[in-house]
Amino acid sequence: MIQRQDIRLRPDPARVVVRQFRPATEPRDLNPTDKSRANHIVDRVLALDAASAASQLAEVLHNFEGRHRDLAELCEARADEMEAALAAHLKFNATQRLLVGAYFLHEYSFEAAALFNPSIVTALDQSGAPAGGRRFTLSLRAVGEGHISSLTFRSGTIAADGGVTLDPTARLAAIPKVMRRTPGPDGEVVEVTFAPHEDLSERVIFPLTDAQSNGIEDARLVEFVDGAEKIFYATYTAYSGRAIRSELLETRDFLSFRLSPLRGSAARNKGMGLFPRRINGRYAMIARQDNENLYLLYSDDLHQWDGGTLLLRPQFPWEFVQIGNCGAPIELDEGWLLLTHGVGPVRKYSIGAVLLDKADPSRVLGRTPHPLVRPEPAEREGYVPNVVYTCGALRHGARIVLPYAVSDTYSTFATIEIRALLAAMSAT
């Protein structure tokens, strides 16, 4: 029933993005001039003679050549951003401007520690898809220094027989340009865009708001169809370092994205999975707002989620600690297939499945009494041992294509025969 594939999508510490650097300001009693460290840096740059400044800038650009697209433009943009934080100063010439910008940037290896918790959707562009197969878009949680999580992407193909091939990963990486920030009572709504010439695998959505400052975690991608309109959504966990909440990502092209907070009592936790279409005219979501059980929620407002009906409790030994969803429900002829994760003894994470009634998802038709995927001996070691986990799978013909993470470290793939999966379920 389960066929693991020989794919290992591992973190690469050589892939870096350039981010804003904000020097700390010393307390007033240690800074008698009452000038920020930022202005001290600017003063030192302005004190360089023309030849020294030009030489220093040339060294910077040469040293980082090939590591970023258009580093000079990034430096200039950073100098513009810093103006609001600087005291009055002499006007920069072109060289000084770039050099100042460089001093307020730093590289960040966004996937140095882990590349895990994937989800998958059918790609918009099917050019080059194999006969009987399709192209896909994969999202992944990348973790770097300080355990900060960001969202990154990959692409690839699924063959007619379910074999998965990943496209080569770009050497470069970049964060998007922020187009708009809209304050609101529940937090900022942020709209960002990437340059069209950047490969999908170059695009990294790094935390953008206070609520996300320590991570954008575990995005559950879903292709949502509403009449003739097709939108890609992803529910994800925003982590501030102190608190978590659920937020929503929206895109139509994987170039421009909108990130917004979700409201309501059910959005105060993590692990929300959106159904790929409305159910009886309403949005529907699977959530786990009590840290233990799964609930079915309906809403007329995509951004407001309250209440919910208890759907599933831990039932089998491999899930006695807690259960959760593993992405958006998948529509089959037989019903809604909901992949779940269960936590068992010694906090071992395994993946199972549930079948829900198509017209009334509150009715549970079947449930796997044993895990579909559990950590194999070779999959037990990593940053967090004894964990297999996914944030979303894809139906391809008679199979489920399942990307999953191993021990919060790297990602791989398996395929599951739908007929055998349904046969393995016990009635409830």
Protein backbone atom coordinates (compact mmCIF):
# COMPACT_ATOMS: atom_id res chain seq x y z
CA MET A 1 0.00 0.00 0.00
CA ILE A 2 2.84 2.42 0.90
CA GLN A 3 5.73 2.92 -1.48
CA ARG A 4 8.55 5.11 -0.21
CA GLN A 5 10.59 6.95 -2.83
CA ASP A 6 14.33 7.40 -2.87
CA ILE A 7 14.24 11.18 -2.50
CA ARG A 8 15.98 13.19 0.19
CA LEU A 9 15.30 16.91 0.14
CA ARG A 10 17.85 18.14 2.66
CA PRO A 11 18.65 21.60 4.02
CA ASP A 12 21.48 23.45 2.31
CA PRO A 13 23.40 25.95 4.49
CA ALA A 14 24.96 27.47 1.37
CA ARG A 15 21.63 29.00 0.35
CA VAL A 16 21.35 32.45 1.88
CA VAL A 17 19.14 35.51 1.70
CA VAL A 18 20.19 39.05 2.53
CA ARG A 19 18.20 40.65 5.34
CA GLN A 20 18.05 43.93 7.18
CA PHE A 21 20.65 44.38 9.91
CA ARG A 22 19.61 46.62 12.80
CA PRO A 23 22.48 47.49 15.17
CA ALA A 24 21.48 47.66 18.81
CA THR A 25 21.44 51.03 20.53
CA GLU A 26 23.43 51.31 23.74
CA PRO A 27 21.74 52.66 26.90
CA ARG A 28 21.95 56.44 27.27
CA ASP A 29 24.54 56.35 30.07
CA LEU A 30 26.91 54.40 27.84
CA ASN A 31 26.30 56.63 24.83
CA PRO A 32 27.08 60.18 25.94
CA THR A 33 26.73 61.63 22.44
CA ASP A 34 23.11 60.36 22.41
CA LYS A 35 23.59 59.12 18.86
CA SER A 36 22.51 55.70 17.72
CA ARG A 37 25.05 53.14 16.57
CA ALA A 38 23.52 53.49 13.12
CA ASN A 39 24.65 57.11 12.94
CA HIS A 40 28.08 56.19 14.24
CA ILE A 41 28.43 53.79 11.31
CA VAL A 42 27.31 56.46 8.85
CA ASP A 43 29.78 58.97 10.30
CA ARG A 44 32.63 56.49 9.83
CA VAL A 45 31.65 55.85 6.22
CA LEU A 46 31.46 59.59 5.51
CA ALA A 47 34.90 60.05 7.05
CA LEU A 48 36.51 57.74 4.43
CA ASP A 49 38.30 59.50 1.62
CA ALA A 50 36.93 58.87 -1.88
CA ALA A 51 39.56 56.30 -2.83
CA SER A 52 39.10 54.30 0.40
CA ALA A 53 35.31 54.32 0.07
CA ALA A 54 35.50 53.15 -3.55
CA SER A 55 37.98 50.43 -2.64
CA GLN A 56 35.83 49.21 0.25
CA LEU A 57 32.69 49.11 -1.91
CA ALA A 58 34.50 47.23 -4.67
CA GLU A 59 35.70 44.67 -2.13
CA VAL A 60 32.17 44.16 -0.78
CA LEU A 61 30.64 43.69 -4.22
CA HIS A 62 33.43 41.32 -5.28
CA ASN A 63 33.30 39.33 -2.05
CA PHE A 64 29.57 38.66 -2.37
CA GLU A 65 29.49 38.28 -6.16
CA GLY A 66 27.38 35.31 -7.23
CA ARG A 67 25.65 34.96 -3.87
CA HIS A 68 22.76 37.36 -4.56
CA ARG A 69 20.99 38.90 -7.51
CA ASP A 70 21.65 42.64 -7.90
CA LEU A 71 23.46 43.19 -4.60
CA ALA A 72 24.13 46.83 -5.49
CA GLU A 73 20.39 47.43 -5.86
CA LEU A 74 19.78 45.77 -2.51
CA CYS A 75 22.36 48.02 -0.89
CA GLU A 76 20.79 51.13 -2.39
CA ALA A 77 17.30 50.08 -1.29
CA ARG A 78 18.58 49.45 2.24
CA ALA A 79 20.16 52.91 2.37
CA ASP A 80 16.77 54.37 1.44
CA GLU A 81 15.07 52.37 4.21
CA MET A 82 17.59 53.58 6.79
CA GLU A 83 16.99 57.29 6.16
CA ALA A 84 14.01 57.37 8.52
CA ALA A 85 16.18 55.97 11.34
CA LEU A 86 19.15 58.30 10.84
CA ALA A 87 19.85 61.73 12.22
CA ALA A 88 20.63 64.51 9.79
CA HIS A 89 23.81 63.86 7.84
CA LEU A 90 25.74 65.06 4.82
CA LYS A 91 24.31 63.99 1.50
CA PHE A 92 25.66 60.65 0.31
CA ASN A 93 27.39 60.38 -3.02
CA ALA A 94 26.68 57.23 -5.08
CA THR A 95 29.55 55.23 -3.55
CA GLN A 96 28.76 56.24 0.01
CA ARG A 97 25.10 55.39 -0.51
CA LEU A 98 25.84 51.81 -1.58
CA LEU A 99 28.42 51.35 1.15
CA VAL A 100 26.08 52.61 3.87
CA GLY A 101 23.39 50.22 2.64
CA ALA A 102 25.85 47.31 2.80
CA TYR A 103 26.60 48.02 6.44
CA PHE A 104 22.92 47.57 7.30
CA LEU A 105 22.51 44.20 5.59
CA HIS A 106 23.49 40.69 6.63
CA GLU A 107 23.29 37.23 5.16
CA TYR A 108 21.01 34.62 6.71
CA SER A 109 21.22 30.91 5.95
CA PHE A 110 17.49 30.32 6.06
CA GLU A 111 17.55 26.52 5.71
CA ALA A 112 20.80 25.71 7.49
CA ALA A 113 19.10 23.56 10.16
CA ALA A 114 16.05 21.94 8.57
CA LEU A 115 13.79 21.69 5.52
CA PHE A 116 10.62 19.91 6.49
CA ASN A 117 6.83 19.74 6.92
CA PRO A 118 5.96 19.92 3.19
CA SER A 119 2.64 20.39 1.44
CA ILE A 120 1.85 19.96 -2.25
CA VAL A 121 -0.55 21.28 -4.90
CA THR A 122 -0.84 20.94 -8.66
CA ALA A 123 1.25 23.60 -10.39
CA LEU A 124 -0.45 26.33 -12.38
CA ASP A 125 1.87 25.84 -15.35
CA GLN A 126 1.73 22.27 -16.69
CA SER A 127 4.29 22.87 -19.44
CA GLY A 128 6.61 19.90 -19.63
CA ALA A 129 4.40 17.59 -17.57
CA PRO A 130 4.95 13.92 -18.46
CA ALA A 131 2.25 11.96 -20.29
CA GLY A 132 -0.33 10.88 -17.74
CA GLY A 133 1.46 12.92 -15.07
CA ARG A 134 1.53 16.46 -13.80
CA ARG A 135 3.74 19.21 -12.45
CA PHE A 136 3.48 20.22 -8.80
CA THR A 137 4.39 23.02 -6.41
CA LEU A 138 5.78 22.08 -3.02
CA SER A 139 5.95 24.31 0.04
CA LEU A 140 8.41 23.64 2.86
CA ARG A 141 9.27 25.01 6.26
CA ALA A 142 12.90 26.13 6.34
CA VAL A 143 14.72 26.69 9.64
CA GLY A 144 17.92 28.63 10.13
CA GLU A 145 19.89 30.33 12.88
CA GLY A 146 17.89 30.98 16.05
CA HIS A 147 15.28 28.41 14.99
CA ILE A 148 13.50 31.01 12.86
CA SER A 149 11.15 29.44 10.31
CA SER A 150 10.36 30.75 6.85
CA LEU A 151 8.35 29.49 3.89
CA THR A 152 10.11 28.28 0.76
CA PHE A 153 9.11 26.38 -2.38
CA ARG A 154 10.19 23.69 -4.80
CA SER A 155 8.74 22.25 -8.03
CA GLY A 156 8.76 18.91 -9.78
CA THR A 157 6.81 16.29 -11.70
CA ILE A 158 4.73 13.24 -10.91
CA ALA A 159 4.87 10.47 -13.51
CA ALA A 160 1.86 8.39 -14.53
CA ASP A 161 2.98 5.64 -12.14
CA GLY A 162 3.38 8.06 -9.22
CA GLY A 163 7.16 8.45 -9.45
CA VAL A 164 8.30 11.86 -8.24
CA THR A 165 11.12 13.91 -9.74
CA LEU A 166 12.24 17.20 -8.20
CA ASP A 167 13.46 20.06 -10.35
CA PRO A 168 16.98 21.33 -9.58
CA THR A 169 17.08 23.87 -6.77
CA ALA A 170 18.32 27.34 -7.66
CA ARG A 171 21.63 28.37 -6.12
CA LEU A 172 20.34 31.84 -5.23
CA ALA A 173 17.50 32.81 -2.92
CA ALA A 174 15.65 36.05 -2.22
CA ILE A 175 12.99 37.53 -0.01
CA PRO A 176 10.10 39.44 -1.62
CA LYS A 177 9.47 43.15 -1.92
CA VAL A 178 6.85 44.42 0.52
CA MET A 179 4.20 46.22 -1.51
CA ARG A 180 1.73 47.16 1.21
CA ARG A 181 1.24 46.91 4.96
CA THR A 182 -2.29 47.44 6.26
CA PRO A 183 -2.69 47.77 10.04
CA GLY A 184 -5.77 46.21 11.59
CA PRO A 185 -7.24 45.34 14.99
CA ASP A 186 -5.92 41.78 14.69
CA GLY A 187 -2.52 42.70 13.28
CA GLU A 188 -0.97 43.67 9.97
CA VAL A 189 -2.04 42.42 6.57
CA VAL A 190 1.06 42.29 4.36
CA GLU A 191 1.22 42.05 0.57
CA VAL A 192 4.51 41.02 -1.05
CA THR A 193 5.77 40.18 -4.51
CA PHE A 194 8.77 38.46 -6.10
CA ALA A 195 10.45 39.34 -9.37
CA PRO A 196 9.09 37.22 -12.26
CA HIS A 197 12.61 36.17 -13.33
CA GLU A 198 13.27 34.53 -9.97
CA ASP A 199 12.84 30.75 -10.02
CA LEU A 200 10.18 29.32 -7.73
CA SER A 201 12.87 27.71 -5.58
CA GLU A 202 14.51 31.13 -5.06
CA ARG A 203 11.45 32.56 -3.30
CA VAL A 204 11.59 32.73 0.48
CA ILE A 205 8.85 34.32 2.59
CA PHE A 206 10.58 35.35 5.78
CA PRO A 207 8.71 36.62 8.88
CA LEU A 208 7.33 40.07 8.19
CA THR A 209 5.30 41.08 11.26
CA ASP A 210 5.68 41.03 15.04
CA ALA A 211 3.31 38.06 15.28
CA GLN A 212 5.54 36.10 12.85
CA SER A 213 8.87 37.32 14.19
CA ASN A 214 10.08 33.85 15.22
CA GLY A 215 8.50 31.91 12.42
CA ILE A 216 6.07 31.21 9.62
CA GLU A 217 5.47 27.54 10.36
CA ASP A 218 3.81 24.52 8.75
CA ALA A 219 1.93 26.01 5.80
CA ARG A 220 -0.93 23.76 4.66
CA LEU A 221 -1.39 24.56 0.96
CA VAL A 222 -4.72 23.98 -0.74
CA GLU A 223 -6.01 24.70 -4.25
CA PHE A 224 -9.38 26.31 -3.51
CA VAL A 225 -12.02 26.35 -6.22
CA ASP A 226 -14.92 28.77 -5.87
CA GLY A 227 -17.02 28.71 -9.03
CA ALA A 228 -14.76 29.66 -11.92
CA GLU A 229 -12.14 31.15 -9.58
CA LYS A 230 -9.08 29.21 -8.43
CA ILE A 231 -7.02 30.52 -5.52
CA PHE A 232 -4.19 28.93 -3.57
CA TYR A 233 -4.51 29.35 0.17
CA ALA A 234 -2.28 28.17 2.98
CA THR A 235 -3.08 28.20 6.66
CA TYR A 236 0.08 28.50 8.73
CA THR A 237 1.24 29.16 12.28
CA ALA A 238 2.63 32.58 13.12
CA TYR A 239 5.02 32.39 16.08
CA SER A 240 6.22 35.51 17.85
CA GLY A 241 8.56 33.74 20.26
CA ARG A 242 5.90 34.12 22.96
CA ALA A 243 2.59 33.25 21.34
CA ILE A 244 1.14 31.40 18.36
CA ARG A 245 -1.86 32.01 16.15
CA SER A 246 -3.15 30.87 12.79
CA GLU A 247 -2.84 33.07 9.73
CA LEU A 248 -3.75 32.79 6.05
CA LEU A 249 -1.61 33.10 2.93
CA GLU A 250 -3.27 33.78 -0.42
CA THR A 251 -1.81 33.69 -3.93
CA ARG A 252 -2.98 33.19 -7.48
CA ASP A 253 0.42 32.91 -9.15
CA PHE A 254 3.09 32.16 -6.47
CA LEU A 255 4.63 35.53 -7.34
CA SER A 256 2.44 37.84 -5.27
CA PHE A 257 1.21 36.85 -1.84
CA ARG A 258 -1.12 38.25 0.80
CA LEU A 259 -0.59 37.26 4.44
CA SER A 260 -3.29 38.08 6.95
CA PRO A 261 -4.25 37.08 10.51
CA LEU A 262 -7.24 34.86 11.20
CA ARG A 263 -9.77 35.85 13.85
CA GLY A 264 -11.85 33.92 16.33
CA SER A 265 -11.42 31.43 19.14
CA ALA A 266 -10.39 28.57 16.83
CA ALA A 267 -7.58 30.63 15.29
CA ARG A 268 -5.69 31.00 18.57
CA ASN A 269 -3.99 27.64 18.06
CA LYS A 270 -2.18 25.92 15.20
CA GLY A 271 -2.84 23.22 12.61
CA MET A 272 -5.90 24.51 10.71
CA GLY A 273 -6.72 22.78 7.41
CA LEU A 274 -9.08 24.41 4.88
CA PHE A 275 -11.39 22.30 2.70
CA PRO A 276 -10.69 22.87 -1.03
CA ARG A 277 -14.21 24.13 -1.73
CA ARG A 278 -17.28 25.38 0.11
CA ILE A 279 -19.51 22.83 1.81
CA ASN A 280 -23.20 23.69 1.49
CA GLY A 281 -22.27 27.24 0.61
CA ARG A 282 -19.90 27.81 3.55
CA TYR A 283 -16.18 27.66 4.12
CA ALA A 284 -15.12 24.62 6.13
CA MET A 285 -12.03 23.98 8.22
CA ILE A 286 -10.51 21.23 10.34
CA ALA A 287 -8.88 22.61 13.51
CA ARG A 288 -7.46 21.55 16.84
CA GLN A 289 -8.11 24.40 19.23
CA ASP A 290 -7.83 22.29 22.41
CA ASN A 291 -4.39 20.73 21.67
CA GLU A 292 -5.83 17.21 21.69
CA ASN A 293 -8.86 16.62 19.44
CA LEU A 294 -9.99 17.58 15.94
CA TYR A 295 -12.98 19.82 15.25
CA LEU A 296 -15.04 20.65 12.18
CA LEU A 297 -15.73 24.36 11.70
CA TYR A 298 -17.91 26.32 9.29
CA SER A 299 -17.78 30.03 8.54
CA ASP A 300 -19.23 32.55 6.13
CA ASP A 301 -16.09 34.66 6.55
CA LEU A 302 -12.81 33.09 5.47
CA HIS A 303 -10.95 35.10 8.13
CA GLN A 304 -13.27 34.40 11.11
CA TRP A 305 -13.32 30.99 12.83
CA ASP A 306 -15.14 30.22 16.08
CA GLY A 307 -16.67 27.27 17.87
CA GLY A 308 -16.69 24.01 15.99
CA THR A 309 -18.08 20.50 16.37
CA LEU A 310 -15.96 17.78 17.93
CA LEU A 311 -15.00 15.43 15.10
CA LEU A 312 -12.27 13.06 16.32
CA ARG A 313 -10.69 12.12 19.62
CA PRO A 314 -7.55 10.03 20.10
CA GLN A 315 -8.69 6.42 19.84
CA PHE A 316 -5.73 4.14 19.13
CA PRO A 317 -2.49 3.72 21.12
CA TRP A 318 -0.34 5.42 18.45
CA GLU A 319 -2.37 8.64 18.92
CA PHE A 320 -3.21 8.60 22.65
CA VAL A 321 -1.32 11.84 23.38
CA GLN A 322 -3.00 13.95 20.68
CA ILE A 323 -4.13 14.01 17.09
CA GLY A 324 -3.99 16.69 14.41
CA ASN A 325 -4.69 17.18 10.74
CA CYS A 326 -2.02 16.73 8.08
CA GLY A 327 -3.28 19.29 5.62
CA ALA A 328 -6.40 20.09 3.65
CA PRO A 329 -8.93 17.26 3.17
CA ILE A 330 -8.66 15.52 -0.21
CA GLU A 331 -11.86 14.93 -2.19
CA LEU A 332 -12.45 11.35 -3.35
CA ASP A 333 -15.55 9.74 -4.87
CA GLU A 334 -15.99 7.90 -1.57
CA GLY A 335 -15.75 11.00 0.66
CA TRP A 336 -13.23 13.43 2.13
CA LEU A 337 -9.87 11.83 2.89
CA LEU A 338 -8.31 13.53 5.90
CA LEU A 339 -4.72 12.64 6.68
CA THR A 340 -3.98 12.89 10.40
CA HIS A 341 -0.99 12.69 12.66
CA GLY A 342 -0.99 10.95 16.00
CA VAL A 343 1.41 11.25 18.91
CA GLY A 344 2.11 8.07 20.85
CA PRO A 345 4.56 6.72 23.45
CA VAL A 346 7.85 8.63 23.77
CA ARG A 347 6.21 11.32 21.60
CA LYS A 348 6.51 9.27 18.45
CA TYR A 349 4.65 10.93 15.54
CA SER A 350 2.90 8.79 12.91
CA ILE A 351 0.54 9.50 10.00
CA GLY A 352 -2.91 7.96 9.64
CA ALA A 353 -6.12 8.73 7.76
CA VAL A 354 -9.85 9.25 8.20
CA LEU A 355 -12.70 9.18 5.68
CA LEU A 356 -15.46 11.77 6.12
CA ASP A 357 -18.86 11.87 4.44
CA LYS A 358 -18.74 14.10 1.37
CA ALA A 359 -22.06 15.86 1.98
CA ASP A 360 -21.75 15.96 5.76
CA PRO A 361 -18.09 15.90 6.87
CA SER A 362 -19.15 15.66 10.50
CA ARG A 363 -19.89 11.98 9.79
CA VAL A 364 -16.80 9.80 10.13
CA LEU A 365 -17.06 6.82 7.77
CA GLY A 366 -13.75 5.11 8.43
CA ARG A 367 -10.46 5.43 10.24
CA THR A 368 -7.11 3.66 10.03
CA PRO A 369 -6.53 1.70 13.28
CA HIS A 370 -2.80 1.54 12.52
CA PRO A 371 -0.48 4.23 11.12
CA LEU A 372 0.02 4.46 7.37
CA VAL A 373 3.49 5.92 7.82
CA ARG A 374 5.59 5.66 10.95
CA PRO A 375 9.29 6.41 11.45
CA GLU A 376 11.35 3.63 9.94
CA PRO A 377 14.67 2.78 11.63
CA ALA A 378 16.51 4.95 9.10
CA GLU A 379 14.05 7.81 9.67
CA ARG A 380 14.23 8.10 13.44
CA GLU A 381 17.28 10.34 13.79
CA GLY A 382 17.27 14.09 13.35
CA TYR A 383 16.59 17.42 15.02
CA VAL A 384 13.45 15.98 16.64
CA PRO A 385 13.73 12.15 16.70
CA ASN A 386 10.88 9.72 15.94
CA VAL A 387 8.73 12.06 13.84
CA VAL A 388 7.14 11.75 10.41
CA TYR A 389 4.87 14.64 9.49
CA THR A 390 3.19 16.20 6.48
CA CYS A 391 1.23 19.39 5.86
CA GLY A 392 -0.62 18.16 2.80
CA ALA A 393 -0.80 15.47 0.12
CA LEU A 394 -2.18 15.31 -3.44
CA ARG A 395 -4.39 12.86 -5.27
CA HIS A 396 -2.93 11.60 -8.54
CA GLY A 397 -5.17 9.07 -10.26
CA ALA A 398 -5.45 5.98 -8.08
CA ARG A 399 -2.73 7.16 -5.68
CA ILE A 400 -2.07 9.69 -2.98
CA VAL A 401 1.28 11.40 -3.41
CA LEU A 402 2.53 12.11 0.09
CA PRO A 403 5.48 14.42 0.78
CA TYR A 404 6.52 14.09 4.40
CA ALA A 405 9.20 15.24 6.79
CA VAL A 406 11.61 13.04 8.70
CA SER A 407 12.51 13.97 12.28
CA ASP A 408 12.06 17.71 11.62
CA THR A 409 15.18 17.64 9.46
CA TYR A 410 14.59 16.74 5.79
CA SER A 411 11.73 15.76 3.48
CA THR A 412 10.94 12.78 1.27
CA PHE A 413 8.00 11.26 -0.62
CA ALA A 414 5.78 8.19 -0.57
CA THR A 415 2.77 7.06 -2.59
CA ILE A 416 -0.31 5.32 -1.21
CA GLU A 417 -2.81 3.28 -3.22
CA ILE A 418 -6.24 4.74 -2.52
CA ARG A 419 -8.12 1.45 -2.84
CA ALA A 420 -5.81 -0.27 -0.35
CA LEU A 421 -5.97 2.73 1.98
CA LEU A 422 -9.75 2.68 2.10
CA ALA A 423 -9.74 -1.08 2.60
CA ALA A 424 -7.44 -0.67 5.61
CA MET A 425 -9.91 1.60 7.39
CA SER A 426 -12.21 0.33 10.08
CA ALA A 427 -15.79 1.56 10.24
CA THR A 428 -16.67 3.85 13.11
